[in-house]
Protein backbone atom coordinates (compact mmCIF):
# COMPACT_ATOMS: atom_id res chain seq x y z
CA UNK A 1 18.74 -4.61 33.18
CA UNK A 2 15.79 -6.44 31.59
CA UNK A 3 16.16 -7.19 27.91
CA UNK A 4 12.83 -6.83 26.12
CA UNK A 5 12.40 -8.11 22.58
CA UNK A 6 8.98 -7.51 20.98
CA UNK A 7 7.00 -10.63 20.10
CA UNK A 8 5.83 -11.20 16.54
CA UNK A 9 2.18 -10.95 17.58
CA UNK A 10 0.93 -7.67 19.11
CA UNK A 11 -0.04 -7.72 22.79
CA UNK A 12 -3.71 -7.44 23.78
CA UNK A 13 -4.31 -4.62 26.28
CA UNK A 14 -8.05 -4.94 26.88
CA UNK A 15 -11.30 -5.94 25.20
CA UNK A 16 -14.24 -3.95 23.90
CA UNK A 17 -16.92 -6.60 24.07
CA UNK A 18 -15.32 -9.55 22.32
CA UNK A 19 -13.00 -7.34 20.27
CA UNK A 20 -9.39 -7.45 21.52
CA UNK A 21 -7.61 -4.07 21.51
CA UNK A 22 -3.87 -4.46 20.92
CA UNK A 23 -1.06 -1.96 21.38
CA UNK A 24 -0.67 -1.72 17.59
CA UNK A 25 -4.35 -0.72 17.32
CA UNK A 26 -3.65 2.15 19.76
CA UNK A 27 -0.92 3.44 17.45
CA UNK A 28 -3.22 2.98 14.46
CA UNK A 29 -5.95 5.04 16.12
CA UNK A 30 -3.42 7.74 16.99
CA UNK A 31 -2.24 7.88 13.36
CA UNK A 32 -5.82 8.12 12.06
CA UNK A 33 -6.77 10.84 14.56
CA UNK A 34 -3.65 12.91 13.78
CA UNK A 35 -4.11 12.40 10.02
CA UNK A 36 -7.78 13.48 10.26
CA UNK A 37 -6.98 16.48 12.48
CA UNK A 38 -4.22 17.69 10.13
CA UNK A 39 -6.60 17.36 7.20
CA UNK A 40 -9.26 19.46 8.91
CA UNK A 41 -6.67 22.04 9.95
CA UNK A 42 -5.34 22.40 6.40
CA UNK A 43 -8.86 22.56 4.97
CA UNK A 44 -9.82 25.43 7.28
CA UNK A 45 -6.64 27.36 6.43
CA UNK A 46 -6.97 27.22 2.65
CA UNK A 47 -7.07 30.81 1.33
CA UNK A 48 -6.35 32.60 -1.94
CA UNK A 49 -3.40 34.18 -0.15
CA UNK A 50 -1.73 31.05 1.20
CA UNK A 51 -0.14 30.86 4.62
CA UNK A 52 3.25 29.24 5.25
CA UNK A 53 1.54 25.96 6.18
CA UNK A 54 -0.56 26.02 3.00
CA UNK A 55 2.52 26.84 0.91
CA UNK A 56 4.41 23.91 2.41
CA UNK A 57 1.47 21.53 1.92
CA UNK A 58 0.98 22.61 -1.70
CA UNK A 59 4.72 22.34 -2.42
CA UNK A 60 4.91 18.86 -0.88
CA UNK A 61 1.77 17.70 -2.74
CA UNK A 62 3.07 19.02 -6.06
CA UNK A 63 6.35 17.17 -5.58
CA UNK A 64 4.42 14.01 -4.69
CA UNK A 65 2.21 14.33 -7.76
CA UNK A 66 5.33 14.74 -9.90
CA UNK A 67 6.70 11.42 -8.64
CA UNK A 68 3.31 9.75 -9.18
CA UNK A 69 3.18 11.12 -12.75
CA UNK A 70 6.41 9.29 -13.53
CA UNK A 71 4.59 6.02 -12.85
CA UNK A 72 1.18 6.74 -14.40
CA UNK A 73 2.42 8.94 -17.25
CA UNK A 74 -0.79 10.93 -16.99
CA UNK A 75 -1.79 13.64 -14.48
CA UNK A 76 -5.48 12.68 -14.89
CA UNK A 77 -4.71 9.12 -13.80
CA UNK A 78 -2.59 10.41 -10.95
CA UNK A 79 -5.43 12.57 -9.66
CA UNK A 80 -7.82 9.65 -10.01
CA UNK A 81 -5.60 7.36 -7.94
CA UNK A 82 -4.57 10.04 -5.45
CA UNK A 83 -7.30 9.31 -2.85
CA UNK A 84 -6.02 5.73 -2.54
CA UNK A 85 -2.25 6.11 -2.89
CA UNK A 86 -2.13 9.46 -1.07
CA UNK A 87 -3.86 8.06 1.98
CA UNK A 88 -1.68 4.93 1.89
CA UNK A 89 1.52 7.01 1.76
CA UNK A 90 0.68 9.45 4.52
CA UNK A 91 -0.84 6.80 6.80
CA UNK A 92 2.17 4.47 6.53
CA UNK A 93 4.60 7.35 6.95
CA UNK A 94 2.79 8.76 9.98
CA UNK A 95 2.31 5.37 11.65
CA UNK A 96 5.98 4.50 11.09
CA UNK A 97 7.18 7.77 12.61
CA UNK A 98 4.75 7.51 15.54
CA UNK A 99 6.52 4.28 16.43
CA UNK A 100 9.65 6.32 17.20
CA UNK A 101 8.00 8.62 19.73
CA UNK A 102 9.36 8.50 23.31
CA UNK A 103 7.37 5.99 25.34
CA UNK A 104 6.79 3.57 22.48
CA UNK A 105 7.95 0.21 23.72
CA UNK A 106 8.61 1.44 27.27
CA UNK A 107 5.29 2.61 28.76
CA UNK A 108 3.44 -0.36 30.27
CA UNK A 109 -0.27 -1.06 30.64
CA UNK A 110 -1.30 -4.21 32.45
CA UNK A 111 2.21 -5.59 32.09
CA UNK A 112 2.28 -5.08 28.31
CA UNK A 113 3.65 -2.33 26.09
CA UNK A 114 1.03 0.39 25.73
CA UNK A 115 2.34 1.64 22.37
CA UNK A 116 3.85 -0.35 19.55
CA UNK A 117 4.48 0.66 15.90
CA UNK A 118 1.31 -0.10 13.95
CA UNK A 119 3.11 -1.73 11.02
CA UNK A 120 4.71 -4.35 13.26
CA UNK A 121 1.27 -5.97 13.19
CA UNK A 122 1.03 -8.33 10.21
CA UNK A 123 -2.76 -8.04 10.31
CA UNK A 124 -2.52 -4.35 9.41
CA UNK A 125 0.03 -4.75 6.63
CA UNK A 126 -1.96 -7.61 5.07
CA UNK A 127 -5.14 -5.50 5.25
CA UNK A 128 -3.42 -2.57 3.49
CA UNK A 129 -1.94 -4.91 0.87
CA UNK A 130 -5.41 -6.34 0.21
CA UNK A 131 -6.81 -2.82 -0.19
CA UNK A 132 -4.03 -2.00 -2.67
CA UNK A 133 -4.47 -5.12 -4.81
CA UNK A 134 -8.28 -5.24 -4.67
CA UNK A 135 -8.45 -1.51 -5.50
CA UNK A 136 -6.35 -2.11 -8.61
CA UNK A 137 -8.87 -4.68 -9.84
CA UNK A 138 -11.84 -2.46 -9.01
CA UNK A 139 -10.30 0.41 -10.98
CA UNK A 140 -9.48 -2.03 -13.78
CA UNK A 141 -13.05 -3.33 -13.97
CA UNK A 142 -14.41 0.21 -14.08
CA UNK A 143 -11.86 1.55 -16.57
CA UNK A 144 -11.47 -1.16 -19.21
CA UNK A 145 -14.69 -3.09 -18.59
CA UNK A 146 -15.50 -6.35 -16.86
CA UNK A 147 -14.85 -8.75 -19.73
CA UNK A 148 -11.73 -6.97 -20.95
CA UNK A 149 -10.23 -6.98 -17.47
CA UNK A 150 -11.10 -10.62 -16.80
CA UNK A 151 -9.68 -11.60 -20.19
CA UNK A 152 -6.28 -10.49 -18.90
CA UNK A 153 -6.45 -13.66 -16.79
CA UNK A 154 -8.84 -16.10 -18.48
CA UNK A 155 -9.87 -15.77 -22.13
CA UNK A 156 -12.99 -17.86 -21.82
CA UNK A 157 -14.35 -16.88 -25.24
CA UNK A 158 -11.14 -17.93 -26.99
CA UNK A 159 -11.09 -21.21 -25.05
CA UNK A 160 -14.65 -22.10 -26.08
CA UNK A 161 -14.01 -21.26 -29.74
CA UNK A 162 -10.81 -23.34 -29.75
CA UNK A 163 -12.75 -26.51 -28.87
CA UNK A 164 -13.97 -26.66 -32.47
CA UNK A 165 -10.58 -25.93 -34.08
CA UNK A 166 -8.73 -29.15 -33.46
CA UNK A 167 -6.18 -30.57 -31.00
CA UNK A 168 -3.50 -27.91 -31.50
CA UNK A 169 -5.93 -25.08 -30.73
CA UNK A 170 -7.26 -26.95 -27.69
CA UNK A 171 -3.72 -27.55 -26.41
CA UNK A 172 -2.90 -23.85 -26.91
CA UNK A 173 -6.05 -22.87 -25.04
CA UNK A 174 -5.13 -25.15 -22.12
CA UNK A 175 -1.69 -23.52 -21.96
CA UNK A 176 -3.30 -20.06 -21.91
CA UNK A 177 -5.63 -21.25 -19.14
CA UNK A 178 -2.62 -22.42 -17.11
CA UNK A 179 -0.96 -19.04 -17.68
CA UNK A 180 -4.14 -17.40 -16.37
CA UNK A 181 -3.93 -19.49 -13.21
CA UNK A 182 -0.33 -18.38 -12.76
CA UNK A 183 -1.51 -14.76 -13.11
CA UNK A 184 -4.04 -15.34 -10.32
CA UNK A 185 -1.29 -16.77 -8.12
CA UNK A 186 0.84 -13.72 -8.90
CA UNK A 187 -1.97 -11.47 -7.64
CA UNK A 188 -1.96 -13.37 -4.34
CA UNK A 189 1.82 -13.08 -4.27
CA UNK A 190 1.46 -9.29 -4.54
CA UNK A 191 -0.46 -9.26 -1.25
CA UNK A 192 2.18 -11.39 0.47
CA UNK A 193 5.05 -9.35 -0.98
CA UNK A 194 3.61 -5.96 0.00
CA UNK A 195 2.58 -6.99 3.50
CA UNK A 196 5.69 -8.98 4.45
CA UNK A 197 8.11 -6.35 3.11
CA UNK A 198 6.56 -3.57 5.19
CA UNK A 199 6.08 -5.75 8.26
CA UNK A 200 9.60 -7.19 8.13
CA UNK A 201 11.41 -3.87 7.79
CA UNK A 202 9.45 -2.05 10.50
CA UNK A 203 9.51 -5.00 12.90
CA UNK A 204 13.27 -5.45 12.44
CA UNK A 205 13.84 -1.78 13.23
CA UNK A 206 11.68 -2.03 16.34
CA UNK A 207 13.62 -5.07 17.57
CA UNK A 208 16.96 -3.35 16.95
CA UNK A 209 16.00 -0.20 18.83
CA UNK A 210 14.44 -2.19 21.71
CA UNK A 211 17.56 -4.32 22.13
CA UNK A 212 19.95 -1.35 22.00
CA UNK A 213 17.79 0.66 24.41
CA UNK A 214 17.81 -2.25 26.87
CA UNK A 215 21.58 -2.80 26.68
CA UNK A 216 23.10 0.66 26.39
CA UNK A 217 22.40 4.30 27.14
CA UNK A 218 20.02 6.52 25.20
CA UNK A 219 22.78 8.18 23.16
CA UNK A 220 23.73 4.97 21.33
CA UNK A 221 20.25 4.06 19.92
CA UNK A 222 19.71 7.69 18.80
CA UNK A 223 21.53 7.32 15.41
CA UNK A 224 19.53 4.17 14.71
CA UNK A 225 16.31 6.04 15.48
CA UNK A 226 17.34 8.69 12.95
CA UNK A 227 17.96 5.88 10.47
CA UNK A 228 14.49 4.50 11.20
CA UNK A 229 13.01 7.88 10.20
CA UNK A 230 14.54 7.35 6.78
CA UNK A 231 13.45 3.70 6.68
CA UNK A 232 9.89 4.74 7.54
CA UNK A 233 9.86 7.19 4.64
CA UNK A 234 11.40 4.69 2.21
CA UNK A 235 8.95 1.93 3.15
CA UNK A 236 5.99 4.29 2.77
CA UNK A 237 7.28 5.34 -0.66
CA UNK A 238 7.92 1.74 -1.79
CA UNK A 239 4.48 0.52 -0.70
CA UNK A 240 2.80 3.52 -2.35
CA UNK A 241 4.70 3.28 -5.63
CA UNK A 242 3.98 -0.45 -5.94
CA UNK A 243 0.30 0.25 -5.28
CA UNK A 244 0.39 2.92 -7.97
CA UNK A 245 2.05 0.50 -10.40
CA UNK A 246 -0.69 -2.08 -9.76
CA UNK A 247 -3.38 0.55 -10.34
CA UNK A 248 -1.73 1.79 -13.53
CA UNK A 249 -1.23 -1.68 -15.00
CA UNK A 250 -4.77 -2.79 -14.12
CA UNK A 251 -6.32 0.24 -15.85
CA UNK A 252 -4.20 -0.05 -19.00
CA UNK A 253 -5.82 -1.40 -22.13
CA UNK A 254 -4.67 -4.91 -23.11
CA UNK A 255 -1.84 -5.17 -25.63
CA UNK A 256 -3.14 -4.71 -29.16
CA UNK A 257 -6.46 -3.17 -28.09
CA UNK A 258 -5.45 0.38 -28.98
CA UNK A 259 -3.95 -0.68 -32.31
CA UNK A 260 -7.14 -2.54 -33.20
CA UNK A 261 -9.24 0.45 -32.14
CA UNK A 262 -7.16 2.82 -34.29
CA UNK A 263 -7.33 0.42 -37.25
CA UNK A 264 -11.13 0.27 -37.07
CA UNK A 265 -11.42 4.05 -37.01
CA UNK A 266 -8.87 4.57 -39.76
CA UNK A 267 -10.54 2.12 -42.18
CA UNK A 268 -12.19 4.15 -44.97
CA UNK A 269 -15.92 3.73 -45.37
CA UNK A 270 -17.78 3.78 -48.64
């Protein structure tokens, strides 16, 4: 029996012009189509007297919002971030579970696997991680203001003023500038951490199931496939919660800003 172990890079099936279409892109398209179709179906079935499907969707969404509230601490913030984190959660969950459908990893097209779990493609996980991190900065710029948000990394105004305050102030400003550079590196590390965590877990599960399916009968890999259902849910939740944390932190006022604001407003005027 042939032992097939998936390669790190996805396999190209065909080209549309100069654009290569890989087997992970096929699974991505399937996830998007199913996600879009379910959304339209739920939208058409929304009534004042809810159906069983609407009841289930509302119950699940309310539970999800409750978990999100524990991170943001504010339902208004949760609802504001929901379009980003909600889509991330459901897309990752759906694409992970689609990778467990019969035929994934076994149906061939042109000698290559026709279907492969979308999140075993590092390009996709990096793209989603970039969306998560960049979105946090966009929300931060809009919420707290451009200069306030950028001052979380580089306090340019303080650095310029310190040049006239002597060597100690200049040295302190240089240290703060170095800390800002470290913060920038940490933002890049967020992208690597998010993308590699999701890619590594889903790819490892795909390799395990492929090897077991090649070596033994169907009954043996079945428990591992059930485990992968749980792993798919956990990884979707982890990615989403970290994205939500980044969004919440980026939109929070800098330390001391609120105290200063309250002090200004509480100062009596003549």
